[in-house]
Amino acid sequence: MGRSIGFLAASAAVCFAACGHPSGGAGDQAQTAQVGRRAPNWSQPTLDGRRIAMESLRGKPVYLNFFATWCHGCNEEAEALDLVSRQYRDRGLQVVGVDVLESPRKAAEFRSQHHLSFPLVLDQGTLREQYQINALPVQVFIDRSGTVRRIVLGQISLTEMRANVERLLQ
């Protein structure tokens, strides 16, 4: 039992370290997401082979959800996130799942397993660095003007998701 716990702790440490990012210099500040500032520009491939760019989402409230298939909290909140996406789609909300540093196969399995209807982008590190992701899940709420309004570290409930989206829609 003790060996299993030690192995699990070591495995978790490696997984979280994989999501770490290098500390940047002063020039990186303009590309780093900050609450109250315009979201950084990016363009990433989707699981379906298209591309989504932050610029193309301007004018819409955006909910970015950073996840990985190995993340327990990410799996637990996935179906609630899809419910929020469906519930607020007609009011303009765009949910985008950001699979951090995984293969398209793993992301496709995650989408299928959780019956997700919103687009997933495959981030190979650009968004992870821009949003300073060093643990998962992370929720980012961006208003219609493209300003980051809130960044939440960790899993949140359906009620919290809805409350954050409602604030974006006001």
Foldseek 3Di string as FASTA:
>chain_A
DVVVVVVVVVVVVVVLQVLADDDDDPVCVVLAADAPAFHHWDWFAWLVGHIDILVVLAQAKEKEKEDELVDPLCLVCVLLVQVVCVVCVVLRYAYEYEHEQDDSVRVVVSCVVNVHDHIYGYDDCSVSVNHRDSDDTKIWIAANRRGTNDIDHTHDDSVVVVVSVVVRSD
